[in-house]
Amino acid sequence: MAEHDDCSAIGRAVIGLGRSLGMTVNTKGVETAGQLSALPAEGCGEVQGYLFSRPKPIGEVAGILRQHRNAALARRHGLP
């Protein structure tokens, strides 16, 4: 989304439509930190994509989420 103006316009329109309908908006296909950093400003709070993980079997998902949560908590508290 952040790399191309036309893609950004389409993304903003879809996010705005979802928000105006009171829906939670989940952006799929997030692959770069730039894409991730642009989305909160557009009103999108849920994302998924290869930036976080390649597709995994359901049995591995809880562990991946735990790792991301722990890393986020560590960053919030200034830990390595």
PDB file of N, CA and C in Angstrom:
ATOM      1  N   MET A   1       0.806  -1.180   0.000  1.00  0.00           N
ATOM      2  CA  MET A   1       0.000   0.000   0.000  1.00  0.00           C
ATOM      3  C   MET A   1       0.860   1.259   0.000  1.00  0.00           C
ATOM      4  N   ALA A   2       1.910   1.273   0.785  1.00  0.00           N
ATOM      5  CA  ALA A   2       2.725   2.480   0.923  1.00  0.00           C
ATOM      6  C   ALA A   2       3.566   2.774  -0.323  1.00  0.00           C
ATOM      7  N   GLU A   3       3.791   1.781  -1.174  1.00  0.00           N
ATOM      8  CA  GLU A   3       4.684   1.956  -2.312  1.00  0.00           C
ATOM      9  C   GLU A   3       4.020   2.606  -3.521  1.00  0.00           C
ATOM     10  N   HIS A   4       2.708   2.497  -3.670  1.00  0.00           N
ATOM     11  CA  HIS A   4       2.026   2.986  -4.863  1.00  0.00           C
ATOM     12  C   HIS A   4       0.804   3.819  -4.487  1.00  0.00           C
ATOM     13  N   ASP A   5       0.710   5.016  -5.061  1.00  0.00           N
ATOM     14  CA  ASP A   5      -0.400   5.917  -4.730  1.00  0.00           C
ATOM     15  C   ASP A   5      -1.760   5.320  -5.063  1.00  0.00           C
ATOM     16  N   ASP A   6      -1.863   4.635  -6.216  1.00  0.00           N
ATOM     17  CA  ASP A   6      -3.170   4.068  -6.584  1.00  0.00           C
ATOM     18  C   ASP A   6      -3.570   2.952  -5.626  1.00  0.00           C
ATOM     19  N   CYS A   7      -2.622   2.164  -5.178  1.00  0.00           N
ATOM     20  CA  CYS A   7      -2.916   1.106  -4.201  1.00  0.00           C
ATOM     21  C   CYS A   7      -3.329   1.721  -2.862  1.00  0.00           C
ATOM     22  N   SER A   8      -2.672   2.810  -2.494  1.00  0.00           N
ATOM     23  CA  SER A   8      -3.023   3.488  -1.239  1.00  0.00           C
ATOM     24  C   SER A   8      -4.450   4.015  -1.294  1.00  0.00           C
ATOM     25  N   ALA A   9      -4.837   4.563  -2.433  1.00  0.00           N
ATOM     26  CA  ALA A   9      -6.195   5.099  -2.571  1.00  0.00           C
ATOM     27  C   ALA A   9      -7.233   3.989  -2.459  1.00  0.00           C
ATOM     28  N   ILE A  10      -6.960   2.860  -3.084  1.00  0.00           N
ATOM     29  CA  ILE A  10      -7.884   1.720  -3.004  1.00  0.00           C
ATOM     30  C   ILE A  10      -7.947   1.203  -1.567  1.00  0.00           C
ATOM     31  N   GLY A  11      -6.797   1.074  -0.928  1.00  0.00           N
ATOM     32  CA  GLY A  11      -6.759   0.617   0.467  1.00  0.00           C
ATOM     33  C   GLY A  11      -7.535   1.541   1.380  1.00  0.00           C
ATOM     34  N   ARG A  12      -7.328   2.855   1.231  1.00  0.00           N
ATOM     35  CA  ARG A  12      -8.063   3.823   2.059  1.00  0.00           C
ATOM     36  C   ARG A  12      -9.570   3.709   1.838  1.00  0.00           C
ATOM     37  N   ALA A  13      -9.973   3.517   0.590  1.00  0.00           N
ATOM     38  CA  ALA A  13     -11.407   3.413   0.288  1.00  0.00           C
ATOM     39  C   ALA A  13     -12.017   2.175   0.942  1.00  0.00           C
ATOM     40  N   VAL A  14     -11.341   1.051   0.848  1.00  0.00           N
ATOM     41  CA  VAL A  14     -11.864  -0.189   1.431  1.00  0.00           C
ATOM     42  C   VAL A  14     -11.897  -0.096   2.952  1.00  0.00           C
ATOM     43  N   ILE A  15     -10.832   0.421   3.540  1.00  0.00           N
ATOM     44  CA  ILE A  15     -10.798   0.582   4.994  1.00  0.00           C
ATOM     45  C   ILE A  15     -11.898   1.536   5.443  1.00  0.00           C
ATOM     46  N   GLY A  16     -12.070   2.651   4.730  1.00  0.00           N
ATOM     47  CA  GLY A  16     -13.113   3.606   5.064  1.00  0.00           C
ATOM     48  C   GLY A  16     -14.501   3.009   4.952  1.00  0.00           C
ATOM     49  N   LEU A  17     -14.732   2.194   3.934  1.00  0.00           N
ATOM     50  CA  LEU A  17     -16.026   1.527   3.771  1.00  0.00           C
ATOM     51  C   LEU A  17     -16.305   0.606   4.951  1.00  0.00           C
ATOM     52  N   GLY A  18     -15.323  -0.201   5.302  1.00  0.00           N
ATOM     53  CA  GLY A  18     -15.492  -1.100   6.445  1.00  0.00           C
ATOM     54  C   GLY A  18     -15.769  -0.344   7.729  1.00  0.00           C
ATOM     55  N   ARG A  19     -15.008   0.713   7.965  1.00  0.00           N
ATOM     56  CA  ARG A  19     -15.203   1.507   9.186  1.00  0.00           C
ATOM     57  C   ARG A  19     -16.577   2.150   9.210  1.00  0.00           C
ATOM     58  N   SER A  20     -17.033   2.670   8.048  1.00  0.00           N
ATOM     59  CA  SER A  20     -18.343   3.326   8.016  1.00  0.00           C
ATOM     60  C   SER A  20     -19.479   2.340   8.248  1.00  0.00           C
ATOM     61  N   LEU A  21     -19.222   1.064   7.968  1.00  0.00           N
ATOM     62  CA  LEU A  21     -20.213   0.021   8.222  1.00  0.00           C
ATOM     63  C   LEU A  21     -20.073  -0.591   9.614  1.00  0.00           C
ATOM     64  N   GLY A  22     -19.129  -0.070  10.403  1.00  0.00           N
ATOM     65  CA  GLY A  22     -18.919  -0.572  11.756  1.00  0.00           C
ATOM     66  C   GLY A  22     -18.231  -1.922  11.801  1.00  0.00           C
ATOM     67  N   MET A  23     -17.508  -2.240  10.746  1.00  0.00           N
ATOM     68  CA  MET A  23     -16.839  -3.541  10.659  1.00  0.00           C
ATOM     69  C   MET A  23     -15.377  -3.426  11.081  1.00  0.00           C
ATOM     70  N   THR A  24     -14.841  -4.503  11.625  1.00  0.00           N
ATOM     71  CA  THR A  24     -13.413  -4.589  11.873  1.00  0.00           C
ATOM     72  C   THR A  24     -12.733  -4.849  10.540  1.00  0.00           C
ATOM     73  N   VAL A  25     -11.682  -4.114  10.255  1.00  0.00           N
ATOM     74  CA  VAL A  25     -10.979  -4.249   8.984  1.00  0.00           C
ATOM     75  C   VAL A  25      -9.658  -4.969   9.227  1.00  0.00           C
ATOM     76  N   ASN A  26      -9.430  -6.054   8.478  1.00  0.00           N
ATOM     77  CA  ASN A  26      -8.198  -6.829   8.553  1.00  0.00           C
ATOM     78  C   ASN A  26      -7.530  -6.743   7.196  1.00  0.00           C
ATOM     79  N   THR A  27      -6.325  -6.202   7.171  1.00  0.00           N
ATOM     80  CA  THR A  27      -5.578  -6.108   5.920  1.00  0.00           C
ATOM     81  C   THR A  27      -4.719  -7.349   5.760  1.00  0.00           C
ATOM     82  N   LYS A  28      -4.910  -8.015   4.641  1.00  0.00           N
ATOM     83  CA  LYS A  28      -4.130  -9.217   4.327  1.00  0.00           C
ATOM     84  C   LYS A  28      -2.979  -8.851   3.406  1.00  0.00           C
ATOM     85  N   GLY A  29      -1.963  -9.677   3.409  1.00  0.00           N
ATOM     86  CA  GLY A  29      -0.852  -9.500   2.480  1.00  0.00           C
ATOM     87  C   GLY A  29       0.177  -8.477   2.910  1.00  0.00           C
ATOM     88  N   VAL A  30       0.264  -8.189   4.209  1.00  0.00           N
ATOM     89  CA  VAL A  30       1.259  -7.238   4.692  1.00  0.00           C
ATOM     90  C   VAL A  30       2.625  -7.924   4.647  1.00  0.00           C
ATOM     91  N   GLU A  31       3.528  -7.344   3.846  1.00  0.00           N
ATOM     92  CA  GLU A  31       4.834  -7.973   3.644  1.00  0.00           C
ATOM     93  C   GLU A  31       6.008  -7.103   4.059  1.00  0.00           C
ATOM     94  N   THR A  32       5.770  -5.804   4.268  1.00  0.00           N
ATOM     95  CA  THR A  32       6.881  -4.910   4.612  1.00  0.00           C
ATOM     96  C   THR A  32       6.547  -4.080   5.840  1.00  0.00           C
ATOM     97  N   ALA A  33       7.591  -3.596   6.510  1.00  0.00           N
ATOM     98  CA  ALA A  33       7.396  -2.722   7.662  1.00  0.00           C
ATOM     99  C   ALA A  33       6.729  -1.416   7.240  1.00  0.00           C
ATOM    100  N   GLY A  34       7.020  -0.945   6.032  1.00  0.00           N
ATOM    101  CA  GLY A  34       6.387   0.270   5.525  1.00  0.00           C
ATOM    102  C   GLY A  34       4.880   0.114   5.392  1.00  0.00           C
ATOM    103  N   GLN A  35       4.456  -1.030   4.872  1.00  0.00           N
ATOM    104  CA  GLN A  35       3.020  -1.295   4.764  1.00  0.00           C
ATOM    105  C   GLN A  35       2.392  -1.322   6.157  1.00  0.00           C
ATOM    106  N   LEU A  36       3.044  -2.005   7.071  1.00  0.00           N
ATOM    107  CA  LEU A  36       2.519  -2.118   8.431  1.00  0.00           C
ATOM    108  C   LEU A  36       2.397  -0.759   9.096  1.00  0.00           C
ATOM    109  N   SER A  37       3.406   0.083   8.953  1.00  0.00           N
ATOM    110  CA  SER A  37       3.381   1.383   9.630  1.00  0.00           C
ATOM    111  C   SER A  37       2.340   2.326   9.034  1.00  0.00           C
ATOM    112  N   ALA A  38       1.944   2.149   7.779  1.00  0.00           N
ATOM    113  CA  ALA A  38       0.956   3.023   7.142  1.00  0.00           C
ATOM    114  C   ALA A  38      -0.471   2.687   7.554  1.00  0.00           C
ATOM    115  N   LEU A  39      -0.739   1.481   7.959  1.00  0.00           N
ATOM    116  CA  LEU A  39      -2.118   1.036   8.175  1.00  0.00           C
ATOM    117  C   LEU A  39      -2.828   1.655   9.380  1.00  0.00           C
ATOM    118  N   PRO A  40      -2.201   1.827  10.539  1.00  0.00           N
ATOM    119  CA  PRO A  40      -2.928   2.443  11.652  1.00  0.00           C
ATOM    120  C   PRO A  40      -3.434   3.855  11.323  1.00  0.00           C
ATOM    121  N   ALA A  41      -2.647   4.616  10.581  1.00  0.00           N
ATOM    122  CA  ALA A  41      -3.073   5.965  10.211  1.00  0.00           C
ATOM    123  C   ALA A  41      -4.299   5.942   9.299  1.00  0.00           C
ATOM    124  N   GLU A  42      -4.490   4.842   8.599  1.00  0.00           N
ATOM    125  CA  GLU A  42      -5.642   4.688   7.714  1.00  0.00           C
ATOM    126  C   GLU A  42      -6.846   4.108   8.457  1.00  0.00           C
ATOM    127  N   GLY A  43      -6.640   3.698   9.713  1.00  0.00           N
ATOM    128  CA  GLY A  43      -7.749   3.170  10.502  1.00  0.00           C
ATOM    129  C   GLY A  43      -7.850   1.664  10.518  1.00  0.00           C
ATOM    130  N   CYS A  44      -6.785   0.993  10.129  1.00  0.00           N
ATOM    131  CA  CYS A  44      -6.793  -0.475  10.125  1.00  0.00           C
ATOM    132  C   CYS A  44      -5.950  -0.968  11.299  1.00  0.00           C
ATOM    133  N   GLY A  45      -6.571  -1.746  12.175  1.00  0.00           N
ATOM    134  CA  GLY A  45      -5.866  -2.214  13.355  1.00  0.00           C
ATOM    135  C   GLY A  45      -5.541  -3.692  13.363  1.00  0.00           C
ATOM    136  N   GLU A  46      -5.983  -4.423  12.333  1.00  0.00           N
ATOM    137  CA  GLU A  46      -5.692  -5.854  12.258  1.00  0.00           C
ATOM    138  C   GLU A  46      -5.016  -6.146  10.929  1.00  0.00           C
ATOM    139  N   VAL A  47      -3.937  -6.914  10.995  1.00  0.00           N
ATOM    140  CA  VAL A  47      -3.182  -7.230   9.783  1.00  0.00           C
ATOM    141  C   VAL A  47      -2.726  -8.683   9.807  1.00  0.00           C
ATOM    142  N   GLN A  48      -2.430  -9.174   8.646  1.00  0.00           N
ATOM    143  CA  GLN A  48      -1.795 -10.483   8.532  1.00  0.00           C
ATOM    144  C   GLN A  48      -0.974 -10.482   7.254  1.00  0.00           C
ATOM    145  N   GLY A  49       0.006 -11.351   7.211  1.00  0.00           N
ATOM    146  CA  GLY A  49       0.827 -11.436   6.012  1.00  0.00           C
ATOM    147  C   GLY A  49       2.182 -12.053   6.289  1.00  0.00           C
ATOM    148  N   TYR A  50       2.964 -12.159   5.220  1.00  0.00           N
ATOM    149  CA  TYR A  50       4.276 -12.788   5.300  1.00  0.00           C
ATOM    150  C   TYR A  50       5.247 -12.023   6.187  1.00  0.00           C
ATOM    151  N   LEU A  51       4.977 -10.741   6.473  1.00  0.00           N
ATOM    152  CA  LEU A  51       5.843 -10.003   7.393  1.00  0.00           C
ATOM    153  C   LEU A  51       5.897 -10.711   8.742  1.00  0.00           C
ATOM    154  N   PHE A  52       4.803 -11.355   9.112  1.00  0.00           N
ATOM    155  CA  PHE A  52       4.711 -12.026  10.405  1.00  0.00           C
ATOM    156  C   PHE A  52       5.052 -13.496  10.304  1.00  0.00           C
ATOM    157  N   SER A  53       4.561 -14.166   9.262  1.00  0.00           N
ATOM    158  CA  SER A  53       4.810 -15.599   9.135  1.00  0.00           C
ATOM    159  C   SER A  53       4.282 -16.109   7.806  1.00  0.00           C
ATOM    160  N   ARG A  54       4.927 -17.104   7.285  1.00  0.00           N
ATOM    161  CA  ARG A  54       4.386 -17.866   6.164  1.00  0.00           C
ATOM    162  C   ARG A  54       3.228 -18.697   6.706  1.00  0.00           C
ATOM    163  N   PRO A  55       2.347 -19.192   5.845  1.00  0.00           N
ATOM    164  CA  PRO A  55       1.259 -20.053   6.328  1.00  0.00           C
ATOM    165  C   PRO A  55       1.806 -21.223   7.153  1.00  0.00           C
ATOM    166  N   LYS A  56       1.128 -21.507   8.246  1.00  0.00           N
ATOM    167  CA  LYS A  56       1.551 -22.572   9.170  1.00  0.00           C
ATOM    168  C   LYS A  56       0.373 -23.478   9.496  1.00  0.00           C
ATOM    169  N   PRO A  57       0.662 -24.704   9.903  1.00  0.00           N
ATOM    170  CA  PRO A  57      -0.405 -25.585  10.394  1.00  0.00           C
ATOM    171  C   PRO A  57      -1.041 -24.981  11.650  1.00  0.00           C
ATOM    172  N   ILE A  58      -2.314 -25.220  11.835  1.00  0.00           N
ATOM    173  CA  ILE A  58      -3.057 -24.637  12.958  1.00  0.00           C
ATOM    174  C   ILE A  58      -2.397 -24.931  14.309  1.00  0.00           C
ATOM    175  N   GLY A  59      -1.766 -26.070  14.435  1.00  0.00           N
ATOM    176  CA  GLY A  59      -1.132 -26.441  15.696  1.00  0.00           C
ATOM    177  C   GLY A  59       0.043 -25.552  16.075  1.00  0.00           C
ATOM    178  N   GLU A  60       0.602 -24.823  15.115  1.00  0.00           N
ATOM    179  CA  GLU A  60       1.745 -23.948  15.390  1.00  0.00           C
ATOM    180  C   GLU A  60       1.341 -22.501  15.651  1.00  0.00           C
ATOM    181  N   VAL A  61       0.098 -22.145  15.403  1.00  0.00           N
ATOM    182  CA  VAL A  61      -0.332 -20.748  15.467  1.00  0.00           C
ATOM    183  C   VAL A  61      -0.233 -20.180  16.879  1.00  0.00           C
ATOM    184  N   ALA A  62      -0.663 -20.904  17.888  1.00  0.00           N
ATOM    185  CA  ALA A  62      -0.625 -20.390  19.260  1.00  0.00           C
ATOM    186  C   ALA A  62       0.800 -20.017  19.666  1.00  0.00           C
ATOM    187  N   GLY A  63       1.774 -20.827  19.307  1.00  0.00           N
ATOM    188  CA  GLY A  63       3.170 -20.536  19.635  1.00  0.00           C
ATOM    189  C   GLY A  63       3.682 -19.291  18.929  1.00  0.00           C
ATOM    190  N   ILE A  64       3.300 -19.112  17.683  1.00  0.00           N
ATOM    191  CA  ILE A  64       3.711 -17.928  16.921  1.00  0.00           C
ATOM    192  C   ILE A  64       3.115 -16.670  17.542  1.00  0.00           C
ATOM    193  N   LEU A  65       1.831 -16.729  17.884  1.00  0.00           N
ATOM    194  CA  LEU A  65       1.184 -15.574  18.518  1.00  0.00           C
ATOM    195  C   LEU A  65       1.825 -15.253  19.856  1.00  0.00           C
ATOM    196  N   ARG A  66       2.171 -16.265  20.610  1.00  0.00           N
ATOM    197  CA  ARG A  66       2.827 -16.072  21.904  1.00  0.00           C
ATOM    198  C   ARG A  66       4.180 -15.370  21.709  1.00  0.00           C
ATOM    199  N   GLN A  67       4.939 -15.787  20.697  1.00  0.00           N
ATOM    200  CA  GLN A  67       6.234 -15.167  20.418  1.00  0.00           C
ATOM    201  C   GLN A  67       6.080 -13.689  20.065  1.00  0.00           C
ATOM    202  N   HIS A  68       5.105 -13.380  19.211  1.00  0.00           N
ATOM    203  CA  HIS A  68       4.877 -11.983  18.822  1.00  0.00           C
ATOM    204  C   HIS A  68       4.431 -11.147  20.017  1.00  0.00           C
ATOM    205  N   ARG A  69       3.548 -11.699  20.843  1.00  0.00           N
ATOM    206  CA  ARG A  69       3.086 -10.974  22.030  1.00  0.00           C
ATOM    207  C   ARG A  69       4.252 -10.708  22.979  1.00  0.00           C
ATOM    208  N   ASN A  70       5.075 -11.722  23.224  1.00  0.00           N
ATOM    209  CA  ASN A  70       6.206 -11.560  24.138  1.00  0.00           C
ATOM    210  C   ASN A  70       7.203 -10.537  23.604  1.00  0.00           C
ATOM    211  N   ALA A  71       7.449 -10.556  22.302  1.00  0.00           N
ATOM    212  CA  ALA A  71       8.363  -9.581  21.700  1.00  0.00           C
ATOM    213  C   ALA A  71       7.802  -8.163  21.827  1.00  0.00           C
ATOM    214  N   ALA A  72       6.492  -8.005  21.608  1.00  0.00           N
ATOM    215  CA  ALA A  72       5.861  -6.690  21.732  1.00  0.00           C
ATOM    216  C   ALA A  72       5.932  -6.193  23.167  1.00  0.00           C
ATOM    217  N   LEU A  73       5.684  -7.063  24.112  1.00  0.00           N
ATOM    218  CA  LEU A  73       5.764  -6.675  25.526  1.00  0.00           C
ATOM    219  C   LEU A  73       7.188  -6.276  25.896  1.00  0.00           C
ATOM    220  N   ALA A  74       8.164  -7.023  25.398  1.00  0.00           N
ATOM    221  CA  ALA A  74       9.569  -6.705  25.691  1.00  0.00           C
ATOM    222  C   ALA A  74       9.928  -5.332  25.123  1.00  0.00           C
ATOM    223  N   ARG A  75       9.489  -5.040  23.879  1.00  0.00           N
ATOM    224  CA  ARG A  75       9.776  -3.732  23.287  1.00  0.00           C
ATOM    225  C   ARG A  75       9.109  -2.619  24.090  1.00  0.00           C
ATOM    226  N   ARG A  76       7.892  -2.852  24.525  1.00  0.00           N
ATOM    227  CA  ARG A  76       7.160  -1.845  25.294  1.00  0.00           C
ATOM    228  C   ARG A  76       7.885  -1.502  26.597  1.00  0.00           C
ATOM    229  N   HIS A  77       8.559  -2.498  27.171  1.00  0.00           N
ATOM    230  CA  HIS A  77       9.252  -2.297  28.446  1.00  0.00           C
ATOM    231  C   HIS A  77      10.740  -2.049  28.268  1.00  0.00           C
ATOM    232  N   GLY A  78      11.169  -1.837  27.024  1.00  0.00           N
ATOM    233  CA  GLY A  78      12.565  -1.499  26.763  1.00  0.00           C
ATOM    234  C   GLY A  78      13.530  -2.656  26.926  1.00  0.00           C
ATOM    235  N   LEU A  79      13.043  -3.868  26.809  1.00  0.00           N
ATOM    236  CA  LEU A  79      13.914  -5.041  26.940  1.00  0.00           C
ATOM    237  C   LEU A  79      14.369  -5.492  25.567  1.00  0.00           C
ATOM    238  N   PRO A  80      15.495  -6.169  25.495  1.00  0.00           N
ATOM    239  CA  PRO A  80      15.995  -6.656  24.194  1.00  0.00           C
ATOM    240  C   PRO A  80      15.159  -7.788  23.626  1.00  0.00           C
TER     241      PRO A  80
END
